[in-house]
C-alpha atoms as a PDB file:
ATOM      1  CA  MET A   1     -11.282 -11.468  13.330  1.00  0.00           C
ATOM      2  CA  SER A   2     -10.722  -8.592  10.706  1.00  0.00           C
ATOM      3  CA  SER A   3     -11.426  -5.157  11.003  1.00  0.00           C
ATOM      4  CA  ASN A   4     -13.586  -3.380   8.549  1.00  0.00           C
ATOM      5  CA  LYS A   5     -11.515  -0.284   9.181  1.00  0.00           C
ATOM      6  CA  PRO A   6      -9.028   0.048   6.138  1.00  0.00           C
ATOM      7  CA  LEU A   7      -5.364  -0.154   6.652  1.00  0.00           C
ATOM      8  CA  VAL A   8      -3.246   2.415   4.905  1.00  0.00           C
ATOM      9  CA  ILE A   9       0.373   0.815   4.605  1.00  0.00           C
ATOM     10  CA  LEU A  10       2.614   4.030   3.515  1.00  0.00           C
ATOM     11  CA  GLY A  11       6.057   3.182   1.971  1.00  0.00           C
ATOM     12  CA  THR A  12       8.082   6.295   1.382  1.00  0.00           C
ATOM     13  CA  ALA A  13      11.394   7.734   2.616  1.00  0.00           C
ATOM     14  CA  ARG A  14      10.339  10.809   4.191  1.00  0.00           C
ATOM     15  CA  LYS A  15       8.229  11.120   7.540  1.00  0.00           C
ATOM     16  CA  ASP A  16       6.438  14.358   6.397  1.00  0.00           C
ATOM     17  CA  SER A  17       6.118  13.060   2.736  1.00  0.00           C
ATOM     18  CA  ASN A  18       3.773  14.253  -0.154  1.00  0.00           C
ATOM     19  CA  THR A  19       2.298  10.904  -0.449  1.00  0.00           C
ATOM     20  CA  LEU A  20       1.222  11.303   3.309  1.00  0.00           C
ATOM     21  CA  PHE A  21      -0.483  14.409   2.531  1.00  0.00           C
ATOM     22  CA  VAL A  22      -2.301  13.073  -0.233  1.00  0.00           C
ATOM     23  CA  ILE A  23      -3.220  10.263   1.966  1.00  0.00           C
ATOM     24  CA  GLU A  24      -4.706  12.524   4.459  1.00  0.00           C
ATOM     25  CA  ASN A  25      -6.408  14.761   1.796  1.00  0.00           C
ATOM     26  CA  LEU A  26      -8.141  11.886   0.456  1.00  0.00           C
ATOM     27  CA  LEU A  27      -9.260  10.143   3.596  1.00  0.00           C
ATOM     28  CA  LYS A  28      -9.795  13.243   5.348  1.00  0.00           C
ATOM     29  CA  GLY A  29     -12.742  12.541   8.086  1.00  0.00           C
ATOM     30  CA  LYS A  30     -12.703   8.934   7.336  1.00  0.00           C
ATOM     31  CA  ASP A  31     -11.803   6.020   9.949  1.00  0.00           C
ATOM     32  CA  TYR A  32      -8.512   4.206   9.044  1.00  0.00           C
ATOM     33  CA  ALA A  33      -5.621   2.314  10.511  1.00  0.00           C
ATOM     34  CA  PHE A  34      -2.186   3.700   9.763  1.00  0.00           C
ATOM     35  CA  LEU A  35       1.138   1.705   9.236  1.00  0.00           C
ATOM     36  CA  ASN A  36       4.152   3.379   8.075  1.00  0.00           C
ATOM     37  CA  LEU A  37       6.856   0.748   7.055  1.00  0.00           C
ATOM     38  CA  SER A  38       9.748   3.084   7.618  1.00  0.00           C
ATOM     39  CA  ASN A  39       8.942   2.759  11.417  1.00  0.00           C
ATOM     40  CA  TYR A  40       9.602  -1.009  10.884  1.00  0.00           C
ATOM     41  CA  GLU A  41      12.949  -3.112  10.693  1.00  0.00           C
ATOM     42  CA  PHE A  42      12.859  -5.534   7.886  1.00  0.00           C
ATOM     43  CA  VAL A  43      15.336  -6.740   5.217  1.00  0.00           C
ATOM     44  CA  GLY A  44      15.085  -8.137   1.754  1.00  0.00           C
ATOM     45  CA  TYR A  45      13.706 -11.324   0.797  1.00  0.00           C
ATOM     46  CA  ASP A  46      16.451 -14.179   1.581  1.00  0.00           C
ATOM     47  CA  TYR A  47      16.099 -17.424  -0.168  1.00  0.00           C
ATOM     48  CA  ASP A  48      17.654 -18.888   2.550  1.00  0.00           C
ATOM     49  CA  ASN A  49      15.281 -17.696   5.327  1.00  0.00           C
ATOM     50  CA  ASN A  50      18.180 -16.094   7.180  1.00  0.00           C
ATOM     51  CA  TYR A  51      16.934 -13.044   8.689  1.00  0.00           C
ATOM     52  CA  PRO A  52      17.833 -10.958  11.517  1.00  0.00           C
ATOM     53  CA  GLU A  53      16.463 -11.382  14.889  1.00  0.00           C
ATOM     54  CA  ASN A  54      14.798  -7.834  14.755  1.00  0.00           C
ATOM     55  CA  ASP A  55      13.318  -8.278  11.629  1.00  0.00           C
ATOM     56  CA  GLN A  56       9.552  -7.082  11.812  1.00  0.00           C
ATOM     57  CA  PHE A  57       8.005  -8.355   8.427  1.00  0.00           C
ATOM     58  CA  LEU A  58       5.940 -10.864  10.107  1.00  0.00           C
ATOM     59  CA  GLU A  59       4.607  -8.022  12.433  1.00  0.00           C
ATOM     60  CA  ILE A  60       3.518  -6.001   9.312  1.00  0.00           C
ATOM     61  CA  VAL A  61       1.754  -9.058   7.978  1.00  0.00           C
ATOM     62  CA  ASP A  62      -0.021  -9.700  11.230  1.00  0.00           C
ATOM     63  CA  VAL A  63      -1.469  -6.001  11.200  1.00  0.00           C
ATOM     64  CA  MET A  64      -2.382  -6.651   7.538  1.00  0.00           C
ATOM     65  CA  LEU A  65      -4.102  -9.843   8.366  1.00  0.00           C
ATOM     66  CA  ALA A  66      -6.312  -7.853  10.838  1.00  0.00           C
ATOM     67  CA  HIS A  67      -8.135  -5.809   8.139  1.00  0.00           C
ATOM     68  CA  ASP A  68     -10.125  -6.568   5.301  1.00  0.00           C
ATOM     69  CA  LYS A  69      -9.367  -3.639   3.090  1.00  0.00           C
ATOM     70  CA  ILE A  70      -5.416  -2.712   2.506  1.00  0.00           C
ATOM     71  CA  ILE A  71      -4.299   0.307   0.893  1.00  0.00           C
ATOM     72  CA  PHE A  72      -1.014   0.821  -0.255  1.00  0.00           C
ATOM     73  CA  ALA A  73       0.406   4.093  -0.647  1.00  0.00           C
ATOM     74  CA  THR A  74       3.636   4.900  -2.248  1.00  0.00           C
ATOM     75  CA  PRO A  75       5.215   7.691  -4.230  1.00  0.00           C
ATOM     76  CA  VAL A  76       6.233   7.217  -7.915  1.00  0.00           C
ATOM     77  CA  TYR A  77      10.011   6.892  -7.690  1.00  0.00           C
ATOM     78  CA  TRP A  78      11.710   6.486 -11.143  1.00  0.00           C
ATOM     79  CA  TYR A  79       8.397   5.064 -12.719  1.00  0.00           C
ATOM     80  CA  ALA A  80       8.227   2.421 -10.032  1.00  0.00           C
ATOM     81  CA  MET A  81       6.695   2.115  -6.224  1.00  0.00           C
ATOM     82  CA  SER A  82       9.397   3.288  -3.415  1.00  0.00           C
ATOM     83  CA  SER A  83      12.170   0.705  -2.338  1.00  0.00           C
ATOM     84  CA  VAL A  84      10.738   0.368   1.203  1.00  0.00           C
ATOM     85  CA  MET A  85       7.406  -0.814  -0.586  1.00  0.00           C
ATOM     86  CA  LYS A  86       9.009  -2.931  -3.150  1.00  0.00           C
ATOM     87  CA  THR A  87      11.340  -4.609  -0.348  1.00  0.00           C
ATOM     88  CA  TYR A  88       8.026  -5.365   1.500  1.00  0.00           C
ATOM     89  CA  PHE A  89       6.458  -6.808  -1.604  1.00  0.00           C
ATOM     90  CA  ASP A  90       9.589  -8.958  -2.536  1.00  0.00           C
ATOM     91  CA  ARG A  91       9.212 -10.483   1.120  1.00  0.00           C
ATOM     92  CA  TRP A  92       5.621 -11.610   0.547  1.00  0.00           C
ATOM     93  CA  SER A  93       7.787 -14.581  -1.261  1.00  0.00           C
ATOM     94  CA  ASP A  94       7.825 -15.781   2.455  1.00  0.00           C
ATOM     95  CA  LEU A  95       4.226 -16.065   2.603  1.00  0.00           C
ATOM     96  CA  VAL A  96       4.037 -18.417  -0.121  1.00  0.00           C
ATOM     97  CA  ARG A  97       7.369 -20.348   0.821  1.00  0.00           C
ATOM     98  CA  VAL A  98       7.623 -20.490   4.611  1.00  0.00           C
ATOM     99  CA  GLU A  99       4.587 -18.750   6.345  1.00  0.00           C
ATOM    100  CA  LYS A 100       2.122 -20.351   3.983  1.00  0.00           C
ATOM    101  CA  PRO A 101      -0.774 -20.239   6.461  1.00  0.00           C
ATOM    102  CA  LYS A 102      -0.192 -16.331   6.913  1.00  0.00           C
ATOM    103  CA  GLY A 103      -0.298 -16.196   2.803  1.00  0.00           C
ATOM    104  CA  ARG A 104      -3.578 -18.031   2.411  1.00  0.00           C
ATOM    105  CA  ALA A 105      -5.015 -16.041   5.154  1.00  0.00           C
ATOM    106  CA  MET A 106      -4.561 -12.941   2.548  1.00  0.00           C
ATOM    107  CA  ALA A 107      -7.329 -14.405   0.234  1.00  0.00           C
ATOM    108  CA  GLY A 108     -10.307 -12.416  -0.370  1.00  0.00           C
ATOM    109  CA  LYS A 109      -9.043  -9.061   1.091  1.00  0.00           C
ATOM    110  CA  GLU A 110      -9.379  -5.948  -0.875  1.00  0.00           C
ATOM    111  CA  THR A 111      -6.591  -3.998  -1.900  1.00  0.00           C
ATOM    112  CA  PHE A 112      -6.098  -0.195  -3.262  1.00  0.00           C
ATOM    113  CA  LEU A 113      -3.560   1.746  -4.261  1.00  0.00           C
ATOM    114  CA  ILE A 114      -2.950   5.583  -3.534  1.00  0.00           C
ATOM    115  CA  THR A 115       0.066   7.217  -5.377  1.00  0.00           C
ATOM    116  CA  GLN A 116       1.499  10.696  -6.204  1.00  0.00           C
ATOM    117  CA  GLY A 117       4.368  12.175  -8.344  1.00  0.00           C
ATOM    118  CA  SER A 118       5.581  15.118 -10.000  1.00  0.00           C
ATOM    119  CA  SER A 119       3.847  14.568 -13.377  1.00  0.00           C
ATOM    120  CA  ASP A 120       0.394  15.210 -14.382  1.00  0.00           C
ATOM    121  CA  HIS A 121      -0.506  11.397 -14.985  1.00  0.00           C
ATOM    122  CA  MET A 122       0.682   7.965 -13.496  1.00  0.00           C
ATOM    123  CA  PRO A 123       3.031   6.121 -15.288  1.00  0.00           C
ATOM    124  CA  SER A 124       1.541   3.345 -17.596  1.00  0.00           C
ATOM    125  CA  GLY A 125       1.545   0.229 -16.075  1.00  0.00           C
ATOM    126  CA  PHE A 126       2.543   1.693 -12.230  1.00  0.00           C
ATOM    127  CA  GLU A 127      -0.367  -0.136 -10.917  1.00  0.00           C
ATOM    128  CA  VAL A 128       0.582  -3.932 -12.353  1.00  0.00           C
ATOM    129  CA  PRO A 129       2.890  -5.013  -9.779  1.00  0.00           C
ATOM    130  CA  PHE A 130       0.103  -4.371  -7.166  1.00  0.00           C
ATOM    131  CA  ASP A 131      -2.482  -6.053  -8.991  1.00  0.00           C
ATOM    132  CA  LEU A 132      -0.773  -9.091  -9.917  1.00  0.00           C
ATOM    133  CA  SER A 133       0.964  -9.604  -6.798  1.00  0.00           C
ATOM    134  CA  CYS A 134      -2.317  -9.314  -4.803  1.00  0.00           C
ATOM    135  CA  LYS A 135      -3.785 -11.543  -7.335  1.00  0.00           C
ATOM    136  CA  TYR A 136      -1.058 -14.079  -6.491  1.00  0.00           C
ATOM    137  CA  LEU A 137      -2.346 -14.180  -2.813  1.00  0.00           C
ATOM    138  CA  ASP A 138      -5.738 -14.238  -3.865  1.00  0.00           C
ATOM    139  CA  MET A 139      -6.512 -10.690  -2.907  1.00  0.00           C
ATOM    140  CA  ASN A 140      -9.033  -8.301  -4.943  1.00  0.00           C
ATOM    141  CA  PHE A 141      -7.249  -5.304  -6.429  1.00  0.00           C
ATOM    142  CA  ARG A 142     -10.109  -3.239  -6.671  1.00  0.00           C
ATOM    143  CA  GLY A 143      -8.193   0.132  -8.110  1.00  0.00           C
ATOM    144  CA  TYR A 144      -6.015   3.220  -7.594  1.00  0.00           C
ATOM    145  CA  ILE A 145      -5.900   7.050  -7.411  1.00  0.00           C
ATOM    146  CA  TYR A 146      -3.033   9.245  -8.671  1.00  0.00           C
ATOM    147  CA  GLY A 147      -2.171  12.494  -7.215  1.00  0.00           C
ATOM    148  CA  ASP A 148      -0.632  15.112  -9.427  1.00  0.00           C
ATOM    149  CA  MET A 149       1.825  17.244  -7.365  1.00  0.00           C
ATOM    150  CA  THR A 150       3.375  19.162  -9.989  1.00  0.00           C
ATOM    151  CA  LYS A 151       1.969  22.410  -8.591  1.00  0.00           C
ATOM    152  CA  GLY A 152       2.701  21.577  -5.104  1.00  0.00           C
ATOM    153  CA  LYS A 153       0.661  21.172  -2.016  1.00  0.00           C
ATOM    154  CA  GLU A 154      -1.081  24.363  -2.151  1.00  0.00           C
ATOM    155  CA  ALA A 155      -2.745  23.809  -5.563  1.00  0.00           C
ATOM    156  CA  PHE A 156      -3.180  19.997  -5.209  1.00  0.00           C
ATOM    157  CA  SER A 157      -6.372  18.454  -5.752  1.00  0.00           C
ATOM    158  CA  PHE A 158      -7.894  15.289  -6.867  1.00  0.00           C
ATOM    159  CA  LYS A 159     -10.227  14.684  -9.860  1.00  0.00           C
ATOM    160  CA  GLU A 160     -13.663  14.790  -8.328  1.00  0.00           C
ATOM    161  CA  GLU A 161     -15.085  11.696  -9.960  1.00  0.00           C
ATOM    162  CA  GLU A 162     -11.819   9.629  -9.224  1.00  0.00           C
ATOM    163  CA  LYS A 163     -11.877  10.714  -5.793  1.00  0.00           C
ATOM    164  CA  ASN A 164     -15.605   9.746  -5.423  1.00  0.00           C
ATOM    165  CA  GLU A 165     -15.157   6.404  -7.111  1.00  0.00           C
ATOM    166  CA  ILE A 166     -12.161   4.961  -5.202  1.00  0.00           C
ATOM    167  CA  LEU A 167     -13.922   6.347  -2.051  1.00  0.00           C
ATOM    168  CA  ARG A 168     -17.023   4.418  -2.628  1.00  0.00           C
ATOM    169  CA  LYS A 169     -15.146   1.285  -3.228  1.00  0.00           C
ATOM    170  CA  ILE A 170     -13.299   1.698   0.111  1.00  0.00           C
ATOM    171  CA  TYR A 171     -16.102   2.979   2.263  1.00  0.00           C
ATOM    172  CA  PRO A 172     -19.359   1.690   0.514  1.00  0.00           C
ATOM    173  CA  ILE A 173     -22.630   2.858   1.868  1.00  0.00           C
END
């Protein structure tokens, strides 16, 4: 049985990151589950499916499968998602080649993106890998929100209209 509580999957290199700050700012007072990819051991995709015994990729997938709504959260690193998030997405290949039942079980989940960076706008096309990867597994990418961190945490705020729109999608009344 899946949970209606959204799951936030954070992929960043820092424990006390700006991305975590943005998540907490957006979802303040909301109920959600949280998974930090940095707390898990998993390696990049291997065509021969040779993974170390301590590889926890499938544990992350099982947590994801327990939720109807998934929120990916990553900073913008060199105009792309963080390396840990990219490694996680690359491993989705296991869900279409080896762990097919788990891959098929992703169908119908709603996904979202929270990101932030040191520019006043999100790079053009940044959301495309999230959208297309989710579509490949028959998940529904419902939107994103970008946090402008150019002026730091002290001056940070979302555009109110964008914040309300994404929150309505994640937490419909």
